[in-house]
Amino acid sequence: MINKIFNSFFLGSILLLLLDFLFFVGIKINYIDFYKIREYYNVLFVDHQSYILFILFSILFGFCFMQRKTSKIFAYIYIILVFISCLTLFPSVGKNMGEFLFRKNNLEFQLGHFKFKGDLLYRGRKNSYIYRKDLNKTIKLKNSEFFYSK
């Protein structure tokens, strides 16, 4: 029983990593690079994973592929999921998905005693990238240097 769970997890994690990889490559190319955000793909990929969901879906994907009755049906479903993950490689879809996941519009930022308005494009581990409409420019700030509110 433990062997089946381990094998299901191993096979499912490989299948799920392919879907995640394709999804985040499209976001990296069409959103992160578009706004000139200097964030490595690995950090983007790892920081935005739900480990609990990853483990559960890995076991589920692997189990569905290992069962003889469901393997053909799930193979077709998986191929459809691969195509859906590849949709972020199209510039408009990847940019819109990145904006949906990361962008927060019309926030008020406070940097010391200085206040300004802008759009939070991406908040990473150490740095955040803010688009200032008044300057028509993206600025990079350390997360510990500023506060923001709506």
N, C-alpha and C. Protein backbone atom coordinates (compact mmCIF):
# COMPACT_ATOMS: atom_id res chain seq x y z
N MET A 1 0.82 -1.20 0.00
CA MET A 1 0.00 0.00 0.00
C MET A 1 0.87 1.26 0.00
N ILE A 2 1.89 1.29 0.86
CA ILE A 2 2.78 2.45 0.92
C ILE A 2 3.55 2.58 -0.39
N ASN A 3 3.90 1.45 -0.98
CA ASN A 3 4.60 1.47 -2.25
C ASN A 3 3.74 2.10 -3.34
N LYS A 4 2.44 1.78 -3.37
CA LYS A 4 1.54 2.37 -4.36
C LYS A 4 1.41 3.88 -4.16
N ILE A 5 1.31 4.31 -2.91
CA ILE A 5 1.20 5.75 -2.63
C ILE A 5 2.47 6.47 -3.06
N PHE A 6 3.63 5.88 -2.75
CA PHE A 6 4.89 6.50 -3.14
C PHE A 6 5.02 6.58 -4.66
N ASN A 7 4.71 5.47 -5.35
CA ASN A 7 4.78 5.47 -6.81
C ASN A 7 3.79 6.45 -7.42
N SER A 8 2.60 6.53 -6.85
CA SER A 8 1.60 7.49 -7.33
C SER A 8 2.10 8.91 -7.14
N PHE A 9 2.68 9.19 -5.99
CA PHE A 9 3.22 10.52 -5.72
C PHE A 9 4.35 10.86 -6.69
N PHE A 10 5.25 9.92 -6.91
CA PHE A 10 6.39 10.17 -7.79
C PHE A 10 5.94 10.44 -9.23
N LEU A 11 5.10 9.59 -9.77
CA LEU A 11 4.59 9.78 -11.13
C LEU A 11 3.76 11.06 -11.22
N GLY A 12 2.89 11.27 -10.26
CA GLY A 12 2.04 12.46 -10.26
C GLY A 12 2.82 13.74 -10.13
N SER A 13 3.89 13.73 -9.33
CA SER A 13 4.68 14.96 -9.17
C SER A 13 5.39 15.31 -10.47
N ILE A 14 5.85 14.33 -11.21
CA ILE A 14 6.47 14.61 -12.51
C ILE A 14 5.43 15.21 -13.46
N LEU A 15 4.25 14.62 -13.50
CA LEU A 15 3.19 15.13 -14.38
C LEU A 15 2.76 16.54 -13.98
N LEU A 16 2.63 16.77 -12.69
CA LEU A 16 2.20 18.08 -12.20
C LEU A 16 3.28 19.14 -12.39
N LEU A 17 4.54 18.77 -12.23
CA LEU A 17 5.64 19.72 -12.45
C LEU A 17 5.68 20.21 -13.89
N LEU A 18 5.34 19.34 -14.83
CA LEU A 18 5.29 19.77 -16.23
C LEU A 18 4.21 20.84 -16.43
N LEU A 19 3.04 20.63 -15.83
CA LEU A 19 1.96 21.61 -15.95
C LEU A 19 2.37 22.94 -15.31
N ASP A 20 2.95 22.87 -14.10
CA ASP A 20 3.40 24.09 -13.41
C ASP A 20 4.49 24.80 -14.19
N PHE A 21 5.43 24.04 -14.72
CA PHE A 21 6.53 24.62 -15.48
C PHE A 21 6.02 25.41 -16.67
N LEU A 22 5.15 24.81 -17.45
CA LEU A 22 4.61 25.50 -18.63
C LEU A 22 3.81 26.75 -18.23
N PHE A 23 3.02 26.64 -17.19
CA PHE A 23 2.21 27.77 -16.72
C PHE A 23 3.11 28.94 -16.31
N PHE A 24 4.12 28.68 -15.49
CA PHE A 24 4.97 29.76 -14.99
C PHE A 24 5.96 30.28 -16.03
N VAL A 25 6.33 29.48 -17.01
CA VAL A 25 7.17 29.99 -18.10
C VAL A 25 6.41 31.07 -18.87
N GLY A 26 5.15 30.82 -19.14
CA GLY A 26 4.34 31.82 -19.84
C GLY A 26 4.19 33.10 -19.05
N ILE A 27 4.01 32.98 -17.74
CA ILE A 27 3.91 34.18 -16.90
C ILE A 27 5.24 34.91 -16.84
N LYS A 28 6.33 34.16 -16.75
CA LYS A 28 7.67 34.78 -16.71
C LYS A 28 7.94 35.55 -17.99
N ILE A 29 7.65 34.96 -19.12
CA ILE A 29 7.94 35.60 -20.40
C ILE A 29 7.01 36.78 -20.66
N ASN A 30 5.72 36.62 -20.39
CA ASN A 30 4.74 37.60 -20.82
C ASN A 30 4.32 38.61 -19.75
N TYR A 31 4.67 38.40 -18.49
CA TYR A 31 4.33 39.37 -17.46
C TYR A 31 5.59 39.89 -16.76
N ILE A 32 6.36 38.99 -16.18
CA ILE A 32 7.54 39.38 -15.42
C ILE A 32 8.55 40.09 -16.32
N ASP A 33 8.88 39.51 -17.46
CA ASP A 33 9.83 40.14 -18.37
C ASP A 33 9.24 41.38 -19.04
N PHE A 34 7.94 41.39 -19.29
CA PHE A 34 7.29 42.54 -19.92
C PHE A 34 7.46 43.80 -19.07
N TYR A 35 7.31 43.67 -17.76
CA TYR A 35 7.46 44.82 -16.86
C TYR A 35 8.89 44.99 -16.34
N LYS A 36 9.82 44.22 -16.91
CA LYS A 36 11.24 44.31 -16.56
C LYS A 36 11.48 44.08 -15.07
N ILE A 37 10.76 43.11 -14.53
CA ILE A 37 10.92 42.72 -13.14
C ILE A 37 12.07 41.72 -13.09
N ARG A 38 13.05 42.01 -12.29
CA ARG A 38 14.23 41.16 -12.21
C ARG A 38 14.03 40.11 -11.11
N GLU A 39 13.39 39.04 -11.49
CA GLU A 39 13.14 37.94 -10.57
C GLU A 39 13.46 36.65 -11.31
N TYR A 40 14.23 35.78 -10.68
CA TYR A 40 14.59 34.52 -11.31
C TYR A 40 13.37 33.61 -11.40
N TYR A 41 13.37 32.78 -12.43
CA TYR A 41 12.26 31.86 -12.65
C TYR A 41 12.10 30.92 -11.46
N ASN A 42 13.21 30.42 -10.93
CA ASN A 42 13.14 29.46 -9.83
C ASN A 42 12.44 30.05 -8.62
N VAL A 43 12.74 31.30 -8.29
CA VAL A 43 12.10 31.96 -7.15
C VAL A 43 10.61 32.14 -7.42
N LEU A 44 10.29 32.58 -8.62
CA LEU A 44 8.89 32.75 -9.01
C LEU A 44 8.15 31.42 -8.90
N PHE A 45 8.75 30.36 -9.38
CA PHE A 45 8.13 29.04 -9.40
C PHE A 45 7.93 28.50 -7.98
N VAL A 46 8.98 28.54 -7.18
CA VAL A 46 8.91 27.94 -5.83
C VAL A 46 8.03 28.75 -4.89
N ASP A 47 8.12 30.07 -4.95
CA ASP A 47 7.37 30.91 -4.01
C ASP A 47 5.86 30.87 -4.23
N HIS A 48 5.43 30.45 -5.37
CA HIS A 48 4.00 30.49 -5.66
C HIS A 48 3.40 29.09 -5.83
N GLN A 49 3.92 28.15 -5.07
CA GLN A 49 3.40 26.80 -5.05
C GLN A 49 2.70 26.56 -3.72
N SER A 50 1.59 25.91 -3.76
CA SER A 50 0.93 25.43 -2.55
C SER A 50 1.37 23.99 -2.35
N TYR A 51 2.20 23.76 -1.35
CA TYR A 51 2.78 22.44 -1.17
C TYR A 51 1.74 21.39 -0.80
N ILE A 52 0.74 21.78 -0.05
CA ILE A 52 -0.31 20.83 0.31
C ILE A 52 -1.08 20.40 -0.94
N LEU A 53 -1.46 21.38 -1.77
CA LEU A 53 -2.16 21.04 -3.02
C LEU A 53 -1.27 20.25 -3.95
N PHE A 54 0.03 20.59 -3.98
CA PHE A 54 0.96 19.87 -4.84
C PHE A 54 1.02 18.39 -4.44
N ILE A 55 1.13 18.11 -3.17
CA ILE A 55 1.20 16.73 -2.70
C ILE A 55 -0.10 15.99 -2.99
N LEU A 56 -1.22 16.63 -2.70
CA LEU A 56 -2.52 15.98 -2.95
C LEU A 56 -2.75 15.70 -4.43
N PHE A 57 -2.49 16.70 -5.28
CA PHE A 57 -2.70 16.50 -6.71
C PHE A 57 -1.68 15.55 -7.31
N SER A 58 -0.47 15.51 -6.76
CA SER A 58 0.52 14.54 -7.24
C SER A 58 0.04 13.12 -7.00
N ILE A 59 -0.46 12.86 -5.82
CA ILE A 59 -0.97 11.52 -5.51
C ILE A 59 -2.19 11.20 -6.38
N LEU A 60 -3.08 12.19 -6.54
CA LEU A 60 -4.27 11.98 -7.37
C LEU A 60 -3.91 11.72 -8.83
N PHE A 61 -3.02 12.55 -9.41
CA PHE A 61 -2.62 12.36 -10.81
C PHE A 61 -1.95 11.00 -11.00
N GLY A 62 -1.02 10.67 -10.11
CA GLY A 62 -0.32 9.39 -10.22
C GLY A 62 -1.26 8.21 -10.07
N PHE A 63 -2.18 8.31 -9.13
CA PHE A 63 -3.13 7.23 -8.90
C PHE A 63 -4.03 7.04 -10.12
N CYS A 64 -4.48 8.14 -10.71
CA CYS A 64 -5.36 8.04 -11.90
C CYS A 64 -4.62 7.43 -13.08
N PHE A 65 -3.33 7.74 -13.22
CA PHE A 65 -2.57 7.16 -14.32
C PHE A 65 -2.22 5.69 -14.07
N MET A 66 -2.09 5.30 -12.83
CA MET A 66 -1.69 3.92 -12.53
C MET A 66 -2.87 2.95 -12.55
N GLN A 67 -4.09 3.43 -12.50
CA GLN A 67 -5.26 2.56 -12.54
C GLN A 67 -5.59 2.22 -14.00
N ARG A 68 -5.77 0.98 -14.28
CA ARG A 68 -6.03 0.55 -15.66
C ARG A 68 -7.35 1.10 -16.20
N LYS A 69 -8.36 1.16 -15.33
CA LYS A 69 -9.68 1.60 -15.77
C LYS A 69 -9.71 3.08 -16.12
N THR A 70 -8.95 3.90 -15.41
CA THR A 70 -9.02 5.36 -15.61
C THR A 70 -7.83 5.92 -16.38
N SER A 71 -6.84 5.11 -16.69
CA SER A 71 -5.62 5.66 -17.27
C SER A 71 -5.84 6.29 -18.65
N LYS A 72 -6.64 5.67 -19.51
CA LYS A 72 -6.88 6.25 -20.84
C LYS A 72 -7.67 7.55 -20.75
N ILE A 73 -8.71 7.54 -19.94
CA ILE A 73 -9.52 8.75 -19.78
C ILE A 73 -8.68 9.87 -19.20
N PHE A 74 -7.91 9.54 -18.17
CA PHE A 74 -7.09 10.57 -17.54
C PHE A 74 -5.97 11.04 -18.45
N ALA A 75 -5.48 10.18 -19.33
CA ALA A 75 -4.46 10.61 -20.30
C ALA A 75 -5.01 11.70 -21.20
N TYR A 76 -6.24 11.55 -21.65
CA TYR A 76 -6.86 12.59 -22.48
C TYR A 76 -7.07 13.88 -21.67
N ILE A 77 -7.51 13.72 -20.45
CA ILE A 77 -7.70 14.90 -19.58
C ILE A 77 -6.37 15.59 -19.35
N TYR A 78 -5.31 14.82 -19.15
CA TYR A 78 -3.99 15.40 -18.92
C TYR A 78 -3.49 16.16 -20.15
N ILE A 79 -3.71 15.62 -21.32
CA ILE A 79 -3.31 16.31 -22.55
C ILE A 79 -4.04 17.64 -22.66
N ILE A 80 -5.31 17.66 -22.32
CA ILE A 80 -6.06 18.92 -22.32
C ILE A 80 -5.47 19.89 -21.31
N LEU A 81 -5.09 19.40 -20.12
CA LEU A 81 -4.47 20.26 -19.11
C LEU A 81 -3.13 20.82 -19.57
N VAL A 82 -2.37 20.04 -20.33
CA VAL A 82 -1.10 20.53 -20.88
C VAL A 82 -1.38 21.69 -21.84
N PHE A 83 -2.37 21.54 -22.70
CA PHE A 83 -2.71 22.62 -23.62
C PHE A 83 -3.21 23.86 -22.87
N ILE A 84 -3.97 23.67 -21.82
CA ILE A 84 -4.43 24.80 -21.02
C ILE A 84 -3.25 25.50 -20.35
N SER A 85 -2.29 24.73 -19.84
CA SER A 85 -1.10 25.33 -19.24
C SER A 85 -0.28 26.09 -20.27
N CYS A 86 -0.28 25.62 -21.50
CA CYS A 86 0.48 26.28 -22.57
C CYS A 86 -0.17 27.60 -23.01
N LEU A 87 -1.41 27.83 -22.64
CA LEU A 87 -2.08 29.07 -23.05
C LEU A 87 -1.35 30.31 -22.53
N THR A 88 -0.67 30.20 -21.38
CA THR A 88 0.05 31.36 -20.85
C THR A 88 1.24 31.74 -21.73
N LEU A 89 1.62 30.88 -22.66
CA LEU A 89 2.70 31.22 -23.59
C LEU A 89 2.24 32.25 -24.63
N PHE A 90 0.94 32.41 -24.80
CA PHE A 90 0.42 33.48 -25.66
C PHE A 90 0.52 34.79 -24.88
N PRO A 91 1.06 35.84 -25.49
CA PRO A 91 1.33 37.08 -24.75
C PRO A 91 0.13 37.66 -24.01
N SER A 92 -1.02 37.71 -24.63
CA SER A 92 -2.17 38.32 -23.95
C SER A 92 -2.64 37.48 -22.77
N VAL A 93 -2.64 36.17 -22.91
CA VAL A 93 -3.09 35.30 -21.83
C VAL A 93 -2.09 35.32 -20.69
N GLY A 94 -0.80 35.22 -21.00
CA GLY A 94 0.23 35.22 -19.97
C GLY A 94 0.27 36.52 -19.19
N LYS A 95 0.12 37.65 -19.90
CA LYS A 95 0.13 38.95 -19.24
C LYS A 95 -1.11 39.11 -18.35
N ASN A 96 -2.27 38.73 -18.85
CA ASN A 96 -3.50 38.83 -18.05
C ASN A 96 -3.46 37.90 -16.83
N MET A 97 -2.92 36.71 -16.99
CA MET A 97 -2.82 35.79 -15.86
C MET A 97 -1.84 36.32 -14.81
N GLY A 98 -0.72 36.90 -15.26
CA GLY A 98 0.23 37.51 -14.34
C GLY A 98 -0.39 38.68 -13.59
N GLU A 99 -1.15 39.50 -14.29
CA GLU A 99 -1.83 40.62 -13.63
C GLU A 99 -2.86 40.11 -12.63
N PHE A 100 -3.56 39.06 -12.97
CA PHE A 100 -4.55 38.50 -12.05
C PHE A 100 -3.88 37.97 -10.78
N LEU A 101 -2.75 37.31 -10.93
CA LEU A 101 -2.07 36.70 -9.79
C LEU A 101 -1.27 37.68 -8.94
N PHE A 102 -0.63 38.67 -9.56
CA PHE A 102 0.35 39.47 -8.84
C PHE A 102 0.01 40.95 -8.69
N ARG A 103 -0.67 41.53 -9.62
CA ARG A 103 -0.86 42.99 -9.65
C ARG A 103 -1.97 43.44 -8.70
N LYS A 104 -1.67 44.49 -7.94
CA LYS A 104 -2.66 45.15 -7.10
C LYS A 104 -2.66 46.62 -7.50
N ASN A 105 -3.80 47.11 -7.96
CA ASN A 105 -3.89 48.46 -8.52
C ASN A 105 -4.28 49.49 -7.46
N ASN A 106 -3.86 50.73 -7.72
CA ASN A 106 -4.25 51.91 -6.94
C ASN A 106 -4.04 51.75 -5.44
N LEU A 107 -2.83 51.47 -5.07
CA LEU A 107 -2.48 51.37 -3.66
C LEU A 107 -1.74 52.63 -3.23
N GLU A 108 -1.80 52.92 -1.96
CA GLU A 108 -1.04 54.05 -1.41
C GLU A 108 0.15 53.48 -0.65
N PHE A 109 1.33 53.93 -1.01
CA PHE A 109 2.57 53.45 -0.42
C PHE A 109 3.16 54.52 0.48
N GLN A 110 3.79 54.08 1.55
CA GLN A 110 4.47 55.00 2.44
C GLN A 110 5.91 54.54 2.60
N LEU A 111 6.81 55.42 2.22
CA LEU A 111 8.24 55.18 2.31
C LEU A 111 8.81 56.22 3.26
N GLY A 112 8.94 55.88 4.53
CA GLY A 112 9.32 56.87 5.54
C GLY A 112 8.17 57.84 5.74
N HIS A 113 8.44 59.13 5.51
CA HIS A 113 7.39 60.15 5.60
C HIS A 113 6.78 60.47 4.25
N PHE A 114 7.31 59.87 3.21
CA PHE A 114 6.87 60.14 1.84
C PHE A 114 5.77 59.17 1.44
N LYS A 115 4.64 59.72 0.92
CA LYS A 115 3.53 58.89 0.45
C LYS A 115 3.36 59.09 -1.05
N PHE A 116 3.02 57.99 -1.73
CA PHE A 116 2.75 58.07 -3.17
C PHE A 116 1.79 56.95 -3.54
N LYS A 117 1.17 57.10 -4.71
CA LYS A 117 0.22 56.10 -5.22
C LYS A 117 0.88 55.34 -6.36
N GLY A 118 0.48 54.07 -6.49
CA GLY A 118 1.02 53.26 -7.57
C GLY A 118 0.36 51.89 -7.60
N ASP A 119 0.84 51.08 -8.52
CA ASP A 119 0.35 49.71 -8.69
C ASP A 119 1.46 48.75 -8.28
N LEU A 120 1.14 47.84 -7.38
CA LEU A 120 2.10 46.81 -6.99
C LEU A 120 2.11 45.74 -8.07
N LEU A 121 3.20 45.66 -8.82
CA LEU A 121 3.29 44.70 -9.91
C LEU A 121 3.66 43.31 -9.43
N TYR A 122 4.60 43.25 -8.46
CA TYR A 122 5.05 41.95 -7.97
C TYR A 122 5.70 42.14 -6.61
N ARG A 123 5.37 41.29 -5.68
CA ARG A 123 6.00 41.29 -4.36
C ARG A 123 6.75 39.98 -4.21
N GLY A 124 8.08 40.07 -4.19
CA GLY A 124 8.93 38.89 -4.08
C GLY A 124 9.38 38.66 -2.65
N ARG A 125 10.40 37.85 -2.49
CA ARG A 125 10.92 37.53 -1.17
C ARG A 125 11.52 38.76 -0.49
N LYS A 126 12.35 39.49 -1.22
CA LYS A 126 13.05 40.63 -0.64
C LYS A 126 12.61 41.97 -1.22
N ASN A 127 12.21 41.98 -2.47
CA ASN A 127 11.91 43.23 -3.17
C ASN A 127 10.50 43.23 -3.74
N SER A 128 9.97 44.44 -3.90
CA SER A 128 8.70 44.63 -4.57
C SER A 128 8.90 45.58 -5.74
N TYR A 129 8.09 45.41 -6.75
CA TYR A 129 8.16 46.25 -7.94
C TYR A 129 6.85 47.02 -8.05
N ILE A 130 6.97 48.34 -8.09
CA ILE A 130 5.81 49.23 -8.05
C ILE A 130 5.84 50.10 -9.30
N TYR A 131 4.70 50.15 -9.98
CA TYR A 131 4.58 51.03 -11.14
C TYR A 131 3.97 52.35 -10.68
N ARG A 132 4.73 53.42 -10.88
CA ARG A 132 4.25 54.76 -10.51
C ARG A 132 3.73 55.44 -11.77
N LYS A 133 2.43 55.70 -11.79
CA LYS A 133 1.81 56.33 -12.95
C LYS A 133 2.29 57.76 -13.14
N ASP A 134 2.52 58.47 -12.03
CA ASP A 134 2.95 59.86 -12.15
C ASP A 134 4.35 59.98 -12.77
N LEU A 135 5.18 58.98 -12.56
CA LEU A 135 6.53 58.97 -13.15
C LEU A 135 6.59 58.14 -14.43
N ASN A 136 5.55 57.35 -14.68
CA ASN A 136 5.51 56.43 -15.81
C ASN A 136 6.73 55.50 -15.76
N LYS A 137 6.97 54.94 -14.56
CA LYS A 137 8.18 54.17 -14.34
C LYS A 137 7.93 53.09 -13.28
N THR A 138 8.63 51.98 -13.41
CA THR A 138 8.59 50.92 -12.41
C THR A 138 9.77 51.10 -11.47
N ILE A 139 9.49 51.10 -10.17
CA ILE A 139 10.56 51.24 -9.19
C ILE A 139 10.65 49.96 -8.36
N LYS A 140 11.84 49.71 -7.87
CA LYS A 140 12.10 48.53 -7.06
C LYS A 140 12.42 48.98 -5.64
N LEU A 141 11.70 48.44 -4.66
CA LEU A 141 11.93 48.77 -3.26
C LEU A 141 12.07 47.50 -2.44
N LYS A 142 12.87 47.57 -1.40
CA LYS A 142 12.97 46.45 -0.48
C LYS A 142 11.68 46.37 0.33
N ASN A 143 11.22 45.16 0.59
CA ASN A 143 9.96 44.97 1.31
C ASN A 143 9.98 45.58 2.69
N SER A 144 11.14 45.66 3.31
CA SER A 144 11.23 46.19 4.68
C SER A 144 11.21 47.72 4.70
N GLU A 145 11.32 48.38 3.56
CA GLU A 145 11.41 49.84 3.51
C GLU A 145 10.07 50.57 3.44
N PHE A 146 8.99 49.89 3.08
CA PHE A 146 7.74 50.60 2.81
C PHE A 146 6.55 49.82 3.35
N PHE A 147 5.43 50.54 3.42
CA PHE A 147 4.13 49.98 3.77
C PHE A 147 3.15 50.39 2.70
N TYR A 148 2.10 49.62 2.54
CA TYR A 148 1.06 50.02 1.58
C TYR A 148 -0.33 49.72 2.12
N SER A 149 -1.28 50.48 1.59
CA SER A 149 -2.69 50.29 1.94
C SER A 149 -3.54 50.71 0.75
N LYS A 150 -4.81 50.35 0.80
CA LYS A 150 -5.73 50.71 -0.30
C LYS A 150 -6.15 52.13 -0.21
